[in-house]
Amino acid sequence: MFRDVLRVARLLFGLFLYALGIVLTLRANLGYSPWDAFHQGLAKHLHLTIGVCSIIVSIVIVIIAMFMKEQVGIGTLCNSVFIGLFVDMLLFLGWIPIMNNFVLGVITIVGGLFVIGFASFLYIGASYGSGPRDSLMVILTKRTGCPVGFCRACVEGTVLCLGWALDGSVGIGTVISVFGLGVAVQTVFTALRFDVRTLHQESLLETWARLKERGKTNERG
């Protein structure tokens, strides 16, 4: 039980840090990442917050993943909801100021990407399931037979175009995010000797079965 509590704590702290990294990239004031530009564009037209739009988009992707019989875990559901909530909370609190200097903006966005990299290490390492957007990449890779990198590029490009069309913030920061996030994540993973290929991401059914079996064991004991 204690191990599960630690795993959940690691998951939630990782999601909070992920949201913090996103807010840092937003406050850099140089242009948003493709997904955040899309969320911002939706927020403008739907008169909602960026966090709420992130939650809506994530839930739609999770529903698609479940319909396509892709594995969904507790981490997938928590990712869908908590990152958006944490983003809105941090933006509301206003702890991170908007950068009005290019150099400070670049430092802030790069710092945000590395925070996201460390956050990814935490929440992925909890092994409660991948994020909804990662599930989307897996679905497209399986269904099309194309390399995952190509599928990711297509999705990111499509989302970026939609964000731009919806008047999302696109700029040099967008370019930095597109090319810098992979570098930041890989750098953090390498430094921490973290290999995602060695992990098994637990699905909802597996979590339920494990907890149910543990309950039976405790009853017998």
Protein backbone atom coordinates (compact mmCIF):
# COMPACT_ATOMS: atom_id res chain seq x y z
CA MET A 1 0.00 0.00 0.00
CA PHE A 2 2.78 2.44 0.94
CA ARG A 3 4.44 1.79 -2.41
CA ASP A 4 1.21 2.70 -4.21
CA VAL A 5 0.95 5.91 -2.21
CA LEU A 6 4.50 6.83 -3.25
CA ARG A 7 3.70 6.03 -6.89
CA VAL A 8 0.60 8.22 -6.83
CA ALA A 9 2.53 11.02 -5.10
CA ARG A 10 5.25 10.75 -7.76
CA LEU A 11 2.62 10.84 -10.50
CA LEU A 12 0.83 13.92 -9.15
CA PHE A 13 4.04 15.82 -8.38
CA GLY A 14 5.27 15.02 -11.87
CA LEU A 15 2.05 16.38 -13.38
CA PHE A 16 2.35 19.54 -11.28
CA LEU A 17 5.90 20.08 -12.50
CA TYR A 18 4.77 19.42 -16.07
CA ALA A 19 2.17 22.17 -15.68
CA LEU A 20 4.84 24.45 -14.19
CA GLY A 21 7.05 23.79 -17.22
CA ILE A 22 4.16 24.66 -19.54
CA VAL A 23 3.48 27.91 -17.69
CA LEU A 24 7.17 28.84 -17.93
CA THR A 25 7.02 28.39 -21.72
CA LEU A 26 3.84 30.47 -21.85
CA ARG A 27 5.29 33.27 -19.73
CA ALA A 28 8.40 33.37 -21.91
CA ASN A 29 6.21 35.41 -24.28
CA LEU A 30 7.91 34.15 -27.45
CA GLY A 31 5.18 31.93 -28.87
CA TYR A 32 3.56 28.77 -27.58
CA SER A 33 4.21 25.12 -28.33
CA PRO A 34 1.87 23.60 -30.98
CA TRP A 35 -0.51 22.06 -28.44
CA ASP A 36 -0.57 25.14 -26.23
CA ALA A 37 -1.16 27.41 -29.23
CA PHE A 38 -4.09 25.14 -30.15
CA HIS A 39 -5.44 25.27 -26.59
CA GLN A 40 -5.07 29.05 -26.53
CA GLY A 41 -6.88 29.37 -29.86
CA LEU A 42 -9.73 27.22 -28.59
CA ALA A 43 -9.83 29.23 -25.36
CA LYS A 44 -10.26 32.48 -27.29
CA HIS A 45 -13.15 31.16 -29.36
CA LEU A 46 -14.87 29.15 -26.62
CA HIS A 47 -14.28 31.81 -23.94
CA LEU A 48 -12.66 29.27 -21.65
CA THR A 49 -9.25 29.04 -19.98
CA ILE A 50 -6.25 27.35 -21.58
CA GLY A 51 -6.31 24.71 -18.84
CA VAL A 52 -9.96 23.84 -19.41
CA CYS A 53 -9.40 23.56 -23.16
CA SER A 54 -6.41 21.30 -22.47
CA ILE A 55 -8.65 19.07 -20.35
CA ILE A 56 -11.35 18.94 -23.05
CA VAL A 57 -8.86 18.02 -25.78
CA SER A 58 -7.22 15.39 -23.55
CA ILE A 59 -10.54 13.75 -22.67
CA VAL A 60 -11.50 13.59 -26.36
CA ILE A 61 -8.17 11.88 -27.13
CA VAL A 62 -8.67 9.42 -24.24
CA ILE A 63 -12.14 8.53 -25.54
CA ILE A 64 -10.68 7.93 -29.00
CA ALA A 65 -7.92 5.78 -27.47
CA MET A 66 -10.44 3.68 -25.56
CA PHE A 67 -12.62 3.34 -28.66
CA MET A 68 -9.54 2.13 -30.56
CA LYS A 69 -8.92 -0.36 -27.72
CA GLU A 70 -5.66 1.29 -26.67
CA GLN A 71 -4.52 0.77 -23.07
CA VAL A 72 -5.48 3.59 -20.70
CA GLY A 73 -4.20 3.86 -17.14
CA ILE A 74 -4.75 5.94 -14.04
CA GLY A 75 -1.84 8.10 -15.17
CA THR A 76 -3.55 8.75 -18.51
CA LEU A 77 -6.70 9.99 -16.78
CA CYS A 78 -4.79 12.05 -14.22
CA ASN A 79 -2.67 13.57 -16.99
CA SER A 80 -5.85 14.54 -18.85
CA VAL A 81 -7.31 16.44 -15.91
CA PHE A 82 -4.63 17.60 -13.49
CA ILE A 83 -2.21 19.27 -15.90
CA GLY A 84 -4.97 21.58 -17.12
CA LEU A 85 -6.07 22.33 -13.56
CA PHE A 86 -2.51 23.02 -12.43
CA VAL A 87 -1.85 25.28 -15.44
CA ASP A 88 -4.92 27.39 -14.69
CA MET A 89 -4.01 27.53 -11.00
CA LEU A 90 -0.45 28.71 -11.68
CA LEU A 91 -1.61 31.29 -14.23
CA PHE A 92 -4.22 32.57 -11.78
CA LEU A 93 -1.68 32.86 -8.95
CA GLY A 94 0.64 34.83 -11.24
CA TRP A 95 3.84 33.71 -9.54
CA ILE A 96 5.71 33.68 -12.85
CA PRO A 97 5.84 37.09 -14.56
CA ILE A 98 5.55 37.62 -18.31
CA MET A 99 8.98 38.14 -19.85
CA ASN A 100 9.36 41.30 -21.92
CA ASN A 101 13.02 40.71 -22.78
CA PHE A 102 14.08 38.34 -25.57
CA VAL A 103 17.07 36.87 -23.73
CA LEU A 104 15.05 36.31 -20.54
CA GLY A 105 12.30 34.81 -22.67
CA VAL A 106 14.67 32.30 -24.23
CA ILE A 107 16.12 31.38 -20.83
CA THR A 108 12.60 30.95 -19.42
CA ILE A 109 11.34 28.77 -22.26
CA VAL A 110 14.44 26.56 -22.23
CA GLY A 111 14.15 26.25 -18.46
CA GLY A 112 10.50 25.30 -18.89
CA LEU A 113 11.39 22.56 -21.35
CA PHE A 114 13.87 21.03 -18.91
CA VAL A 115 11.27 21.20 -16.13
CA ILE A 116 8.92 19.31 -18.47
CA GLY A 117 11.71 16.80 -19.09
CA PHE A 118 12.15 16.14 -15.36
CA ALA A 119 8.38 16.05 -14.89
CA SER A 120 8.17 13.42 -17.62
CA PHE A 121 10.74 11.31 -15.76
CA LEU A 122 8.56 11.48 -12.63
CA TYR A 123 5.14 10.76 -14.07
CA ILE A 124 6.25 8.19 -16.64
CA GLY A 125 8.32 6.48 -13.95
CA ALA A 126 5.19 6.04 -11.83
CA SER A 127 4.17 3.45 -14.49
CA TYR A 128 0.46 4.26 -14.34
CA GLY A 129 0.02 4.77 -18.08
CA SER A 130 1.21 7.19 -20.73
CA GLY A 131 -0.28 10.61 -21.41
CA PRO A 132 -3.21 11.00 -23.83
CA ARG A 133 -1.12 12.64 -26.56
CA ASP A 134 1.42 9.82 -26.35
CA SER A 135 -1.46 7.37 -26.76
CA LEU A 136 -2.49 9.24 -29.90
CA MET A 137 1.00 8.75 -31.36
CA VAL A 138 0.82 5.04 -30.59
CA ILE A 139 -2.59 4.73 -32.25
CA LEU A 140 -1.46 6.46 -35.43
CA THR A 141 1.75 4.44 -35.57
CA LYS A 142 -0.15 1.16 -35.22
CA ARG A 143 -2.89 2.08 -37.68
CA THR A 144 -0.73 3.62 -40.41
CA GLY A 145 2.46 1.57 -40.05
CA CYS A 146 4.48 4.79 -40.31
CA PRO A 147 7.41 5.57 -37.98
CA VAL A 148 6.40 7.14 -34.68
CA GLY A 149 8.57 10.19 -35.42
CA PHE A 150 6.70 10.79 -38.67
CA CYS A 151 3.31 10.38 -36.96
CA ARG A 152 4.34 12.78 -34.20
CA ALA A 153 5.51 15.34 -36.75
CA CYS A 154 2.21 15.08 -38.62
CA VAL A 155 0.17 15.53 -35.44
CA GLU A 156 2.30 18.41 -34.20
CA GLY A 157 2.14 20.09 -37.60
CA THR A 158 -1.63 19.69 -37.81
CA VAL A 159 -2.15 20.99 -34.28
CA LEU A 160 0.17 23.93 -34.98
CA CYS A 161 -1.79 24.87 -38.12
CA LEU A 162 -5.05 24.66 -36.19
CA GLY A 163 -3.62 26.78 -33.38
CA TRP A 164 -2.38 29.40 -35.86
CA ALA A 165 -5.75 29.43 -37.65
CA LEU A 166 -7.50 29.94 -34.31
CA ASP A 167 -5.22 32.91 -33.56
CA GLY A 168 -2.99 31.06 -31.10
CA SER A 169 0.36 32.60 -30.20
CA VAL A 170 3.00 31.31 -32.64
CA GLY A 171 6.55 32.60 -32.79
CA ILE A 172 10.22 31.78 -32.26
CA GLY A 173 9.25 30.14 -28.98
CA THR A 174 7.16 27.67 -30.96
CA VAL A 175 10.22 26.64 -32.94
CA ILE A 176 12.28 26.34 -29.77
CA SER A 177 9.58 24.14 -28.21
CA VAL A 178 9.24 21.88 -31.25
CA PHE A 179 12.96 21.17 -31.53
CA GLY A 180 14.01 21.70 -27.93
CA LEU A 181 11.56 19.52 -26.02
CA GLY A 182 12.94 16.24 -27.36
CA VAL A 183 16.47 17.37 -26.57
CA ALA A 184 15.51 18.42 -23.04
CA VAL A 185 13.67 15.18 -22.29
CA GLN A 186 16.47 13.02 -23.68
CA THR A 187 19.09 14.99 -21.74
CA VAL A 188 17.21 14.54 -18.46
CA PHE A 189 16.53 10.86 -19.10
CA THR A 190 20.18 10.23 -19.98
CA ALA A 191 21.44 12.12 -16.93
CA LEU A 192 19.14 10.13 -14.65
CA ARG A 193 19.84 6.85 -16.50
CA PHE A 194 16.12 6.45 -17.13
CA ASP A 195 15.11 4.04 -19.91
CA VAL A 196 11.38 4.04 -20.67
CA ARG A 197 11.75 0.76 -22.57
CA THR A 198 12.29 -1.09 -19.30
CA LEU A 199 8.95 0.05 -17.85
CA HIS A 200 5.54 -1.58 -18.05
CA GLN A 201 2.75 0.98 -18.02
CA GLU A 202 -0.10 -0.38 -15.92
CA SER A 203 -3.60 -0.17 -17.45
CA LEU A 204 -6.77 0.53 -15.51
CA LEU A 205 -7.77 -3.14 -15.68
CA GLU A 206 -4.37 -4.24 -14.40
CA THR A 207 -4.51 -1.75 -11.53
CA TRP A 208 -8.01 -2.89 -10.59
CA ALA A 209 -7.04 -6.58 -10.73
CA ARG A 210 -3.93 -5.97 -8.62
CA LEU A 211 -5.81 -4.02 -5.96
CA LYS A 212 -8.63 -6.56 -5.94
CA GLU A 213 -6.16 -9.40 -5.42
CA ARG A 214 -4.44 -7.48 -2.65
CA GLY A 215 -7.81 -6.96 -0.95
CA LYS A 216 -8.50 -10.69 -1.06
CA THR A 217 -5.06 -11.41 0.36
CA ASN A 218 -5.63 -8.97 3.24
CA GLU A 219 -9.00 -10.59 3.97
CA ARG A 220 -7.42 -14.03 4.16
CA GLY A 221 -4.65 -12.66 6.36
